[in-house]
Amino acid sequence: MPKTISQEQHISTRIPNIIGYLGLIPFVISSLAIWITAYRELAYESLVIYASIILTFIGAVHWGFGSSTSQENKSNARFIFSIAPALVSWLALLTMYEYVLPIFAICFVVFWWIERYYFAEILPIWYVQLRSRLSFIVVGFLLLGWLGAIQ
């Protein structure tokens, strides 16, 4: 039976949900601004930097969860995973201009899949649901920005 969110949990997760969706603003603005020739370079740079920051944040969440949970929910895999997004993000920033955004899009999907496959049972359901929605919105805007950048 799938996990569900109780009314009490729903109320307590309202702020993280609001903040999560507000975190989409730089993705939206940057990916749309790329389509305006006068702003293309700045918007592209902004989108790349913000994607790197958020990808790193995804890993940091696991460091935090791993550090604050009971012993049975701690695992070396969780701590290793917590640094992987930052390292992959750093490597992506070293790639050629036209490949960075699709690499970030792929990373968001891969790291989402890893969370769902390996860590979903120990993550709060509200986080898994929010992360799923936000990740696929982010991927859409990264690809939209990429299409604008390569035109």
C-alpha atoms as a PDB file:
ATOM      1  CA  MET A   1       0.000   0.000   0.000  1.00  0.00           C
ATOM      2  CA  PRO A   2       1.476   3.407  -0.953  1.00  0.00           C
ATOM      3  CA  LYS A   3       2.262   5.893   1.755  1.00  0.00           C
ATOM      4  CA  THR A   4      -0.070   8.876   2.094  1.00  0.00           C
ATOM      5  CA  ILE A   5       0.204  12.215   3.819  1.00  0.00           C
ATOM      6  CA  SER A   6      -2.067  12.831   6.800  1.00  0.00           C
ATOM      7  CA  GLN A   7      -3.821  16.180   7.282  1.00  0.00           C
ATOM      8  CA  GLU A   8      -1.383  17.038  10.087  1.00  0.00           C
ATOM      9  CA  GLN A   9       1.625  16.256   7.883  1.00  0.00           C
ATOM     10  CA  HIS A  10       0.066  18.256   5.048  1.00  0.00           C
ATOM     11  CA  ILE A  11      -0.164  21.346   7.258  1.00  0.00           C
ATOM     12  CA  SER A  12       3.401  20.921   8.546  1.00  0.00           C
ATOM     13  CA  THR A  13       4.751  20.607   5.002  1.00  0.00           C
ATOM     14  CA  ARG A  14       3.020  23.688   3.650  1.00  0.00           C
ATOM     15  CA  ILE A  15       6.081  25.917   4.132  1.00  0.00           C
ATOM     16  CA  PRO A  16       8.560  23.482   2.506  1.00  0.00           C
ATOM     17  CA  ASN A  17       6.153  23.159  -0.426  1.00  0.00           C
ATOM     18  CA  ILE A  18       5.828  26.926  -0.815  1.00  0.00           C
ATOM     19  CA  ILE A  19       9.580  27.395  -0.563  1.00  0.00           C
ATOM     20  CA  GLY A  20      10.169  24.548  -3.015  1.00  0.00           C
ATOM     21  CA  TYR A  21       7.910  26.118  -5.623  1.00  0.00           C
ATOM     22  CA  LEU A  22       9.409  29.566  -5.037  1.00  0.00           C
ATOM     23  CA  GLY A  23      12.755  27.929  -5.787  1.00  0.00           C
ATOM     24  CA  LEU A  24      11.520  27.377  -9.334  1.00  0.00           C
ATOM     25  CA  ILE A  25      11.480  31.126 -10.050  1.00  0.00           C
ATOM     26  CA  PRO A  26      15.134  31.351 -11.204  1.00  0.00           C
ATOM     27  CA  PHE A  27      14.611  28.343 -13.488  1.00  0.00           C
ATOM     28  CA  VAL A  28      11.524  29.921 -15.051  1.00  0.00           C
ATOM     29  CA  ILE A  29      12.951  33.411 -15.471  1.00  0.00           C
ATOM     30  CA  SER A  30      16.343  32.271 -16.751  1.00  0.00           C
ATOM     31  CA  SER A  31      15.022  29.676 -19.192  1.00  0.00           C
ATOM     32  CA  LEU A  32      12.525  32.143 -20.658  1.00  0.00           C
ATOM     33  CA  ALA A  33      15.046  35.005 -20.783  1.00  0.00           C
ATOM     34  CA  ILE A  34      17.414  32.836 -22.838  1.00  0.00           C
ATOM     35  CA  TRP A  35      14.952  33.208 -25.700  1.00  0.00           C
ATOM     36  CA  ILE A  36      15.483  37.000 -25.658  1.00  0.00           C
ATOM     37  CA  THR A  37      18.681  37.602 -27.604  1.00  0.00           C
ATOM     38  CA  ALA A  38      19.747  40.615 -25.529  1.00  0.00           C
ATOM     39  CA  TYR A  39      19.654  38.541 -22.322  1.00  0.00           C
ATOM     40  CA  ARG A  40      20.793  35.149 -23.680  1.00  0.00           C
ATOM     41  CA  GLU A  41      24.330  35.059 -22.206  1.00  0.00           C
ATOM     42  CA  LEU A  42      23.346  36.334 -18.758  1.00  0.00           C
ATOM     43  CA  ALA A  43      20.261  34.129 -18.603  1.00  0.00           C
ATOM     44  CA  TYR A  44      22.217  31.060 -19.685  1.00  0.00           C
ATOM     45  CA  GLU A  45      24.895  31.680 -17.083  1.00  0.00           C
ATOM     46  CA  SER A  46      22.225  32.275 -14.455  1.00  0.00           C
ATOM     47  CA  LEU A  47      20.441  29.026 -15.336  1.00  0.00           C
ATOM     48  CA  VAL A  48      23.653  26.992 -15.271  1.00  0.00           C
ATOM     49  CA  ILE A  49      24.761  28.413 -11.927  1.00  0.00           C
ATOM     50  CA  TYR A  50      21.359  27.949 -10.303  1.00  0.00           C
ATOM     51  CA  ALA A  51      21.002  24.384 -11.623  1.00  0.00           C
ATOM     52  CA  SER A  52      24.406  23.606 -10.113  1.00  0.00           C
ATOM     53  CA  ILE A  53      23.394  25.065  -6.769  1.00  0.00           C
ATOM     54  CA  ILE A  54      20.104  23.155  -6.636  1.00  0.00           C
ATOM     55  CA  LEU A  55      21.680  19.884  -7.732  1.00  0.00           C
ATOM     56  CA  THR A  56      24.214  20.288  -4.922  1.00  0.00           C
ATOM     57  CA  PHE A  57      21.355  21.066  -2.525  1.00  0.00           C
ATOM     58  CA  ILE A  58      19.719  17.732  -3.410  1.00  0.00           C
ATOM     59  CA  GLY A  59      22.810  15.963  -2.142  1.00  0.00           C
ATOM     60  CA  ALA A  60      23.009  18.144   0.935  1.00  0.00           C
ATOM     61  CA  VAL A  61      19.478  17.098   1.870  1.00  0.00           C
ATOM     62  CA  HIS A  62      20.726  13.520   2.195  1.00  0.00           C
ATOM     63  CA  TRP A  63      23.669  14.568   4.335  1.00  0.00           C
ATOM     64  CA  GLY A  64      21.187  16.326   6.618  1.00  0.00           C
ATOM     65  CA  PHE A  65      18.730  13.435   6.711  1.00  0.00           C
ATOM     66  CA  GLY A  66      21.557  10.968   7.303  1.00  0.00           C
ATOM     67  CA  SER A  67      23.042  13.058  10.088  1.00  0.00           C
ATOM     68  CA  SER A  68      19.772  13.564  11.923  1.00  0.00           C
ATOM     69  CA  THR A  69      18.119  10.144  11.653  1.00  0.00           C
ATOM     70  CA  SER A  70      18.300   7.125  13.891  1.00  0.00           C
ATOM     71  CA  GLN A  71      21.130   4.661  13.528  1.00  0.00           C
ATOM     72  CA  GLU A  72      19.055   2.140  11.528  1.00  0.00           C
ATOM     73  CA  ASN A  73      18.381   4.776   8.835  1.00  0.00           C
ATOM     74  CA  LYS A  74      22.043   5.744   8.494  1.00  0.00           C
ATOM     75  CA  SER A  75      24.062   4.212   5.743  1.00  0.00           C
ATOM     76  CA  ASN A  76      27.339   4.859   4.026  1.00  0.00           C
ATOM     77  CA  ALA A  77      25.461   4.850   0.706  1.00  0.00           C
ATOM     78  CA  ARG A  78      23.416   7.814   1.851  1.00  0.00           C
ATOM     79  CA  PHE A  79      26.490   9.850   2.755  1.00  0.00           C
ATOM     80  CA  ILE A  80      28.238   8.880  -0.472  1.00  0.00           C
ATOM     81  CA  PHE A  81      25.147   9.858  -2.433  1.00  0.00           C
ATOM     82  CA  SER A  82      25.041  13.180  -0.594  1.00  0.00           C
ATOM     83  CA  ILE A  83      28.258  14.372  -2.245  1.00  0.00           C
ATOM     84  CA  ALA A  84      27.633  12.866  -5.692  1.00  0.00           C
ATOM     85  CA  PRO A  85      25.419  15.708  -6.994  1.00  0.00           C
ATOM     86  CA  ALA A  86      28.025  18.322  -6.060  1.00  0.00           C
ATOM     87  CA  LEU A  87      30.824  16.382  -7.749  1.00  0.00           C
ATOM     88  CA  VAL A  88      28.775  15.707 -10.871  1.00  0.00           C
ATOM     89  CA  SER A  89      27.679  19.338 -10.935  1.00  0.00           C
ATOM     90  CA  TRP A  90      31.295  20.481 -10.783  1.00  0.00           C
ATOM     91  CA  LEU A  91      32.188  18.162 -13.662  1.00  0.00           C
ATOM     92  CA  ALA A  92      29.205  19.394 -15.692  1.00  0.00           C
ATOM     93  CA  LEU A  93      30.400  22.976 -15.262  1.00  0.00           C
ATOM     94  CA  LEU A  94      33.657  21.959 -16.954  1.00  0.00           C
ATOM     95  CA  THR A  95      31.934  20.681 -20.093  1.00  0.00           C
ATOM     96  CA  MET A  96      31.292  22.558 -23.316  1.00  0.00           C
ATOM     97  CA  TYR A  97      28.667  25.306 -23.368  1.00  0.00           C
ATOM     98  CA  GLU A  98      26.071  23.451 -25.429  1.00  0.00           C
ATOM     99  CA  TYR A  99      26.127  20.314 -23.239  1.00  0.00           C
ATOM    100  CA  VAL A 100      25.827  21.709 -19.726  1.00  0.00           C
ATOM    101  CA  LEU A 101      22.047  22.136 -19.574  1.00  0.00           C
ATOM    102  CA  PRO A 102      21.180  18.690 -20.981  1.00  0.00           C
ATOM    103  CA  ILE A 103      23.726  17.166 -18.597  1.00  0.00           C
ATOM    104  CA  PHE A 104      22.026  18.918 -15.688  1.00  0.00           C
ATOM    105  CA  ALA A 105      18.616  17.741 -16.928  1.00  0.00           C
ATOM    106  CA  ILE A 106      19.873  14.154 -17.043  1.00  0.00           C
ATOM    107  CA  CYS A 107      21.406  14.535 -13.573  1.00  0.00           C
ATOM    108  CA  PHE A 108      18.120  15.742 -12.081  1.00  0.00           C
ATOM    109  CA  VAL A 109      16.374  12.663 -13.505  1.00  0.00           C
ATOM    110  CA  VAL A 110      19.124  10.231 -12.466  1.00  0.00           C
ATOM    111  CA  PHE A 111      19.369  11.579  -8.924  1.00  0.00           C
ATOM    112  CA  TRP A 112      15.561  11.570  -8.639  1.00  0.00           C
ATOM    113  CA  TRP A 113      15.563   7.922  -9.754  1.00  0.00           C
ATOM    114  CA  ILE A 114      18.290   7.023  -7.237  1.00  0.00           C
ATOM    115  CA  GLU A 115      16.288   8.645  -4.450  1.00  0.00           C
ATOM    116  CA  ARG A 116      13.131   6.778  -5.497  1.00  0.00           C
ATOM    117  CA  TYR A 117      14.888   3.443  -5.928  1.00  0.00           C
ATOM    118  CA  TYR A 118      17.298   3.435  -2.984  1.00  0.00           C
ATOM    119  CA  PHE A 119      16.031   5.929  -0.427  1.00  0.00           C
ATOM    120  CA  ALA A 120      12.234   6.307  -0.821  1.00  0.00           C
ATOM    121  CA  GLU A 121      11.483   4.066   2.161  1.00  0.00           C
ATOM    122  CA  ILE A 122      13.526   6.201   4.539  1.00  0.00           C
ATOM    123  CA  LEU A 123      12.607   9.626   3.159  1.00  0.00           C
ATOM    124  CA  PRO A 124       9.520  11.500   4.303  1.00  0.00           C
ATOM    125  CA  ILE A 125       6.704  10.937   1.800  1.00  0.00           C
ATOM    126  CA  TRP A 126       6.085  14.663   1.466  1.00  0.00           C
ATOM    127  CA  TYR A 127       9.722  15.128   0.402  1.00  0.00           C
ATOM    128  CA  VAL A 128       9.538  12.334  -2.191  1.00  0.00           C
ATOM    129  CA  GLN A 129       6.328  13.766  -3.651  1.00  0.00           C
ATOM    130  CA  LEU A 130       7.589  17.353  -3.681  1.00  0.00           C
ATOM    131  CA  ARG A 131      10.950  16.355  -5.118  1.00  0.00           C
ATOM    132  CA  SER A 132       9.246  14.400  -7.901  1.00  0.00           C
ATOM    133  CA  ARG A 133       7.085  17.332  -8.953  1.00  0.00           C
ATOM    134  CA  LEU A 134       9.846  19.916  -8.697  1.00  0.00           C
ATOM    135  CA  SER A 135      12.452  17.793 -10.467  1.00  0.00           C
ATOM    136  CA  PHE A 136      10.372  17.241 -13.557  1.00  0.00           C
ATOM    137  CA  ILE A 137       9.409  20.906 -13.749  1.00  0.00           C
ATOM    138  CA  VAL A 138      13.107  21.787 -13.458  1.00  0.00           C
ATOM    139  CA  VAL A 139      14.014  19.314 -16.212  1.00  0.00           C
ATOM    140  CA  GLY A 140      11.428  20.919 -18.484  1.00  0.00           C
ATOM    141  CA  PHE A 141      12.821  24.403 -17.916  1.00  0.00           C
ATOM    142  CA  LEU A 142      16.421  23.220 -18.330  1.00  0.00           C
ATOM    143  CA  LEU A 143      15.528  21.715 -21.693  1.00  0.00           C
ATOM    144  CA  LEU A 144      13.567  24.821 -22.684  1.00  0.00           C
ATOM    145  CA  GLY A 145      16.593  26.965 -21.799  1.00  0.00           C
ATOM    146  CA  TRP A 146      18.884  24.626 -23.709  1.00  0.00           C
ATOM    147  CA  LEU A 147      16.705  24.857 -26.822  1.00  0.00           C
ATOM    148  CA  GLY A 148      16.808  28.644 -26.555  1.00  0.00           C
ATOM    149  CA  ALA A 149      20.585  28.637 -26.102  1.00  0.00           C
ATOM    150  CA  ILE A 150      21.381  26.455 -29.106  1.00  0.00           C
ATOM    151  CA  GLN A 151      19.065  28.195 -31.562  1.00  0.00           C
END
